[in-house]
Amino acid sequence: MDAAVSQVQIVGLSHVNAVRGALARDPAALPCPVQVLHMLSAVPSRRFVVDEDGAPQLDPGLRATVRAVADSGKLVFSQVGGNTHHFFGLMRHPQPFDFMLPERPALALDDGARLLTCGYVRAALRHMMQAEFDMLAALANATRAPLCHLESPPPISDNGYCERLLPASFQPWIAQGRRVAAPALRYKLWRLHSGLVAAECHRLGIGFLPCPPDAMDEDGFLLPPYWFDPLHGNADYGALLLRQLAQRIRRTDAPAPPAHG
């Protein structure tokens, strides 16, 4: 049986803000102390990963913070990366593209876009995700505690809302006349991204926790009560995540069933 959980660390980038907001409203949402580490606050230079002897390692200061809490009895949850699919396809490309997602072949296609194969788009997205994979590996190398990555939230279906709440980094594209891509394309890219992250987690021996089903509508988009901006869930979404983490903690703390025979 795993040791009882006495401490939780949540390590990541902007997606940790939803959890922070939820904890500010309900500090006792988890049955044990929790430490939320925003990597950008710890490493303003954004050089989160360094190479040591050919292996990705966290920035030394961030690594020391993770290791300041003993691995015994600790659970670590990752929210590193999570937005590469948005940088890849949140905005409609000057040469529009689309593709068919094999598991959802009925999803709409853009008649005015170049149709690419799913494999081609997946390979291009995966190439952009190497920094995410390096952060996952570096976090795994920083601790021997059980580590589980949280899936990034689903896309928002309302393009008007997305354009009104675009983060500053996307505003120059609006000035160039680009607009938010069709919801179906953004959904397909999110599914490719999640599949790639899940596969990398499996390769690294990291758990992967899908986003809360209660946060999604029947088409798989994020429900309006959980919207913050086109990239992130809000504090209510963070509360759903904390509920998932609390369930994981309870499962870890549960006594093993008695042996039979």
Protein backbone atom coordinates (compact mmCIF):
# COMPACT_ATOMS: atom_id res chain seq x y z
CA MET A 1 0.00 0.00 0.00
CA ASP A 2 1.17 3.54 -0.70
CA ALA A 3 2.09 5.70 2.28
CA ALA A 4 -0.61 8.02 3.62
CA VAL A 5 -0.55 11.40 1.90
CA SER A 6 0.73 14.15 4.18
CA GLN A 7 1.56 16.86 1.62
CA VAL A 8 0.59 17.82 -1.94
CA GLN A 9 2.63 19.90 -4.34
CA ILE A 10 1.08 21.35 -7.51
CA VAL A 11 3.74 22.53 -9.94
CA GLY A 12 3.03 24.31 -13.20
CA LEU A 13 2.58 27.48 -15.17
CA SER A 14 -0.54 29.55 -15.84
CA HIS A 15 -2.98 26.68 -15.33
CA VAL A 16 -2.16 26.62 -11.60
CA ASN A 17 -4.00 29.95 -11.24
CA ALA A 18 -7.37 28.16 -11.38
CA VAL A 19 -6.34 25.97 -8.45
CA ARG A 20 -4.91 28.95 -6.59
CA GLY A 21 -8.20 30.78 -6.97
CA ALA A 22 -10.15 27.78 -5.71
CA LEU A 23 -7.84 27.37 -2.70
CA ALA A 24 -8.19 31.07 -1.85
CA ARG A 25 -11.93 30.50 -1.49
CA ASP A 26 -11.64 27.12 0.24
CA PRO A 27 -8.23 26.56 1.86
CA ALA A 28 -9.44 23.24 3.29
CA ALA A 29 -10.45 21.78 -0.09
CA LEU A 30 -7.76 19.10 0.27
CA PRO A 31 -7.40 16.89 3.34
CA CYS A 32 -3.71 17.75 3.73
CA PRO A 33 -1.43 20.76 3.28
CA VAL A 34 -0.90 21.88 -0.33
CA GLN A 35 1.88 23.94 -1.88
CA VAL A 36 1.24 25.53 -5.28
CA LEU A 37 4.42 26.37 -7.19
CA HIS A 38 4.04 28.71 -10.16
CA MET A 39 7.19 28.09 -12.16
CA LEU A 40 7.24 31.59 -13.67
CA SER A 41 7.26 33.17 -10.20
CA ALA A 42 10.20 30.97 -9.26
CA VAL A 43 12.08 31.39 -12.55
CA PRO A 44 11.31 34.78 -14.14
CA SER A 45 13.90 34.10 -16.86
CA ARG A 46 11.65 31.26 -18.13
CA ARG A 47 14.66 28.95 -18.27
CA PHE A 48 12.75 26.28 -16.38
CA VAL A 49 14.82 23.34 -17.62
CA VAL A 50 18.57 22.86 -17.71
CA ASP A 51 20.52 19.98 -19.20
CA GLU A 52 22.69 18.02 -16.80
CA ASP A 53 24.58 14.99 -18.09
CA GLY A 54 22.17 14.70 -21.00
CA ALA A 55 19.02 14.66 -18.85
CA PRO A 56 16.50 17.49 -18.41
CA GLN A 57 16.50 18.92 -14.89
CA LEU A 58 14.50 21.70 -13.30
CA ASP A 59 16.13 25.05 -12.66
CA PRO A 60 18.22 24.51 -9.51
CA GLY A 61 16.21 26.92 -7.38
CA LEU A 62 12.90 25.40 -8.42
CA ARG A 63 14.31 21.91 -7.95
CA ALA A 64 15.36 22.82 -4.41
CA THR A 65 11.85 24.09 -3.65
CA VAL A 66 10.30 20.85 -4.87
CA ARG A 67 12.77 18.81 -2.84
CA ALA A 68 12.29 20.94 0.29
CA VAL A 69 9.23 18.79 0.98
CA ALA A 70 10.24 15.20 1.66
CA ASP A 71 9.12 12.68 -0.96
CA SER A 72 7.73 10.31 1.66
CA GLY A 73 3.97 10.84 1.94
CA LYS A 74 3.96 13.44 -0.83
CA LEU A 75 1.91 13.56 -4.02
CA VAL A 76 2.98 15.86 -6.85
CA PHE A 77 0.58 17.10 -9.49
CA SER A 78 1.84 18.71 -12.68
CA GLN A 79 0.26 21.55 -14.63
CA VAL A 80 3.33 22.32 -16.71
CA GLY A 81 2.78 23.57 -20.24
CA GLY A 82 -0.71 22.90 -21.49
CA ASN A 83 -1.16 25.66 -24.05
CA THR A 84 0.91 24.60 -27.06
CA HIS A 85 -2.20 23.64 -29.02
CA HIS A 86 -3.49 27.19 -28.57
CA PHE A 87 -0.29 28.73 -29.88
CA PHE A 88 -0.48 26.25 -32.74
CA GLY A 89 -4.08 26.83 -33.75
CA LEU A 90 -6.15 29.18 -31.57
CA MET A 91 -5.92 31.79 -34.34
CA ARG A 92 -6.96 30.97 -37.88
CA HIS A 93 -3.84 30.47 -39.97
CA PRO A 94 -3.17 32.83 -42.93
CA GLN A 95 -3.29 29.67 -45.04
CA PRO A 96 -6.19 27.91 -43.30
CA PHE A 97 -5.89 24.20 -42.62
CA ASP A 98 -8.12 21.52 -41.17
CA PHE A 99 -8.00 17.76 -40.60
CA MET A 100 -10.24 14.86 -39.68
CA LEU A 101 -9.94 13.49 -36.16
CA PRO A 102 -10.28 9.68 -36.46
CA GLU A 103 -12.21 9.26 -33.21
CA ARG A 104 -14.63 12.07 -34.12
CA PRO A 105 -14.91 11.90 -37.94
CA ALA A 106 -18.24 13.78 -37.99
CA LEU A 107 -16.70 17.00 -36.63
CA ALA A 108 -17.11 19.91 -39.02
CA LEU A 109 -14.42 20.69 -41.58
CA ASP A 110 -13.65 24.18 -42.89
CA ASP A 111 -14.64 24.20 -46.56
CA GLY A 112 -12.16 26.99 -47.28
CA ALA A 113 -9.20 25.30 -45.61
CA ARG A 114 -6.52 22.97 -46.90
CA LEU A 115 -7.26 19.45 -45.65
CA LEU A 116 -4.23 17.83 -44.02
CA THR A 117 -3.84 14.35 -42.61
CA CYS A 118 -4.23 13.90 -38.87
CA GLY A 119 -0.76 12.34 -38.74
CA TYR A 120 0.82 15.39 -40.35
CA VAL A 121 -0.85 17.79 -37.92
CA ARG A 122 0.02 15.56 -34.95
CA ALA A 123 3.69 15.46 -35.97
CA ALA A 124 3.83 19.24 -36.38
CA LEU A 125 2.17 19.80 -33.02
CA ARG A 126 4.42 17.27 -31.32
CA HIS A 127 7.47 19.11 -32.61
CA MET A 128 6.22 22.28 -30.92
CA MET A 129 5.60 20.41 -27.66
CA GLN A 130 9.18 19.41 -26.91
CA ALA A 131 9.50 22.10 -24.23
CA GLU A 132 6.43 20.65 -22.46
CA PHE A 133 7.92 17.17 -22.59
CA ASP A 134 11.23 18.45 -21.22
CA MET A 135 9.43 20.09 -18.29
CA LEU A 136 7.55 16.88 -17.54
CA ALA A 137 10.78 14.87 -17.57
CA ALA A 138 12.58 17.45 -15.45
CA LEU A 139 9.79 17.43 -12.86
CA ALA A 140 9.87 13.63 -12.78
CA ASN A 141 13.64 13.78 -12.25
CA ALA A 142 13.21 16.21 -9.34
CA THR A 143 11.18 13.90 -7.11
CA ARG A 144 10.63 10.25 -6.31
CA ALA A 145 7.11 10.97 -5.06
CA PRO A 146 4.14 9.80 -7.15
CA LEU A 147 3.60 12.30 -9.97
CA CYS A 148 0.41 12.88 -11.96
CA HIS A 149 -0.16 15.37 -14.76
CA LEU A 150 -3.50 17.21 -15.06
CA GLU A 151 -4.96 17.48 -18.55
CA SER A 152 -5.35 21.06 -19.76
CA PRO A 153 -8.96 22.33 -19.93
CA PRO A 154 -11.12 21.89 -23.04
CA PRO A 155 -11.52 24.76 -25.49
CA ILE A 156 -14.33 27.31 -25.31
CA SER A 157 -16.91 27.08 -28.09
CA ASP A 158 -17.80 30.79 -28.24
CA ASN A 159 -15.46 32.57 -30.67
CA GLY A 160 -16.78 36.00 -29.71
CA TYR A 161 -15.90 35.40 -26.07
CA CYS A 162 -12.48 34.12 -27.09
CA GLU A 163 -11.72 37.25 -29.12
CA ARG A 164 -12.86 39.57 -26.31
CA LEU A 165 -10.70 37.80 -23.72
CA LEU A 166 -7.59 37.04 -25.77
CA PRO A 167 -4.37 37.29 -23.75
CA ALA A 168 -2.00 40.09 -24.75
CA SER A 169 0.34 37.70 -26.59
CA PHE A 170 -2.40 37.06 -29.18
CA GLN A 171 -3.44 40.69 -29.71
CA PRO A 172 -0.88 41.41 -32.47
CA TRP A 173 -2.49 38.67 -34.56
CA ILE A 174 -5.87 40.38 -34.20
CA ALA A 175 -4.22 43.63 -35.35
CA GLN A 176 -3.02 41.72 -38.43
CA GLY A 177 -6.61 40.78 -39.25
CA ARG A 178 -6.49 37.19 -38.00
CA ARG A 179 -9.44 35.76 -36.11
CA VAL A 180 -10.04 32.89 -33.72
CA ALA A 181 -10.17 29.53 -35.49
CA ALA A 182 -13.36 27.50 -35.76
CA PRO A 183 -14.39 25.71 -32.54
CA ALA A 184 -14.22 22.26 -34.19
CA LEU A 185 -10.61 22.78 -35.24
CA ARG A 186 -9.63 24.03 -31.80
CA TYR A 187 -11.31 21.01 -30.22
CA LYS A 188 -9.45 18.63 -32.54
CA LEU A 189 -6.12 20.24 -31.69
CA TRP A 190 -6.88 19.95 -27.97
CA ARG A 191 -7.56 16.24 -28.38
CA LEU A 192 -4.29 15.75 -30.30
CA HIS A 193 -2.42 17.69 -27.62
CA SER A 194 -3.94 15.67 -24.79
CA GLY A 195 -3.18 12.40 -26.56
CA LEU A 196 0.44 13.39 -27.05
CA VAL A 197 0.81 14.46 -23.41
CA ALA A 198 -0.82 11.25 -22.17
CA ALA A 199 1.54 9.17 -24.30
CA GLU A 200 4.57 11.06 -22.98
CA CYS A 201 3.36 10.65 -19.41
CA HIS A 202 3.04 6.90 -19.99
CA ARG A 203 6.58 6.79 -21.40
CA LEU A 204 7.93 8.63 -18.37
CA GLY A 205 5.93 6.61 -15.83
CA ILE A 206 3.78 9.63 -14.87
CA GLY A 207 0.05 9.41 -14.18
CA PHE A 208 -2.38 11.35 -16.39
CA LEU A 209 -5.62 12.74 -14.99
CA PRO A 210 -8.26 13.72 -17.59
CA CYS A 211 -10.14 16.96 -17.04
CA PRO A 212 -13.30 16.77 -14.92
CA PRO A 213 -16.24 15.42 -16.97
CA ASP A 214 -18.59 17.81 -15.14
CA ALA A 215 -16.77 20.73 -16.75
CA MET A 216 -17.65 19.71 -20.33
CA ASP A 217 -20.78 20.02 -22.45
CA GLU A 218 -22.07 17.14 -24.58
CA ASP A 219 -19.70 18.10 -27.40
CA GLY A 220 -16.63 18.18 -25.17
CA PHE A 221 -16.25 21.96 -24.85
CA LEU A 222 -15.72 23.76 -21.56
CA LEU A 223 -19.03 24.83 -20.02
CA PRO A 224 -19.54 28.62 -19.58
CA PRO A 225 -19.47 28.58 -15.75
CA TYR A 226 -15.83 27.50 -15.96
CA TRP A 227 -14.57 30.02 -18.53
CA PHE A 228 -11.76 32.44 -17.67
CA ASP A 229 -10.13 33.20 -21.00
CA PRO A 230 -9.63 31.12 -24.19
CA LEU A 231 -6.68 29.29 -22.64
CA HIS A 232 -7.65 28.75 -19.01
CA GLY A 233 -10.36 27.63 -16.63
CA ASN A 234 -11.45 29.85 -13.74
CA ALA A 235 -11.53 29.28 -9.98
CA ASP A 236 -14.73 27.22 -10.29
CA TYR A 237 -12.88 24.95 -12.69
CA GLY A 238 -10.05 24.84 -10.18
CA ALA A 239 -12.53 23.67 -7.55
CA LEU A 240 -13.45 20.72 -9.79
CA LEU A 241 -9.74 19.90 -10.11
CA LEU A 242 -9.31 20.00 -6.34
CA ARG A 243 -12.24 17.61 -5.99
CA GLN A 244 -10.42 15.20 -8.31
CA LEU A 245 -7.20 15.57 -6.32
CA ALA A 246 -9.04 14.96 -3.05
CA GLN A 247 -10.47 11.74 -4.50
CA ARG A 248 -6.98 10.66 -5.53
CA ILE A 249 -5.68 11.37 -2.02
CA ARG A 250 -8.49 9.36 -0.44
CA ARG A 251 -7.75 6.42 -2.74
CA THR A 252 -4.06 6.58 -1.79
CA ASP A 253 -4.91 6.75 1.92
CA ALA A 254 -7.44 3.92 1.78
CA PRO A 255 -6.29 0.73 3.49
CA ALA A 256 -5.53 -2.21 1.27
CA PRO A 257 -8.28 -4.86 1.11
CA PRO A 258 -7.66 -7.90 3.33
CA ALA A 259 -5.93 -10.82 1.72
CA HIS A 260 -8.08 -13.87 1.04
CA GLY A 261 -7.28 -17.53 0.90
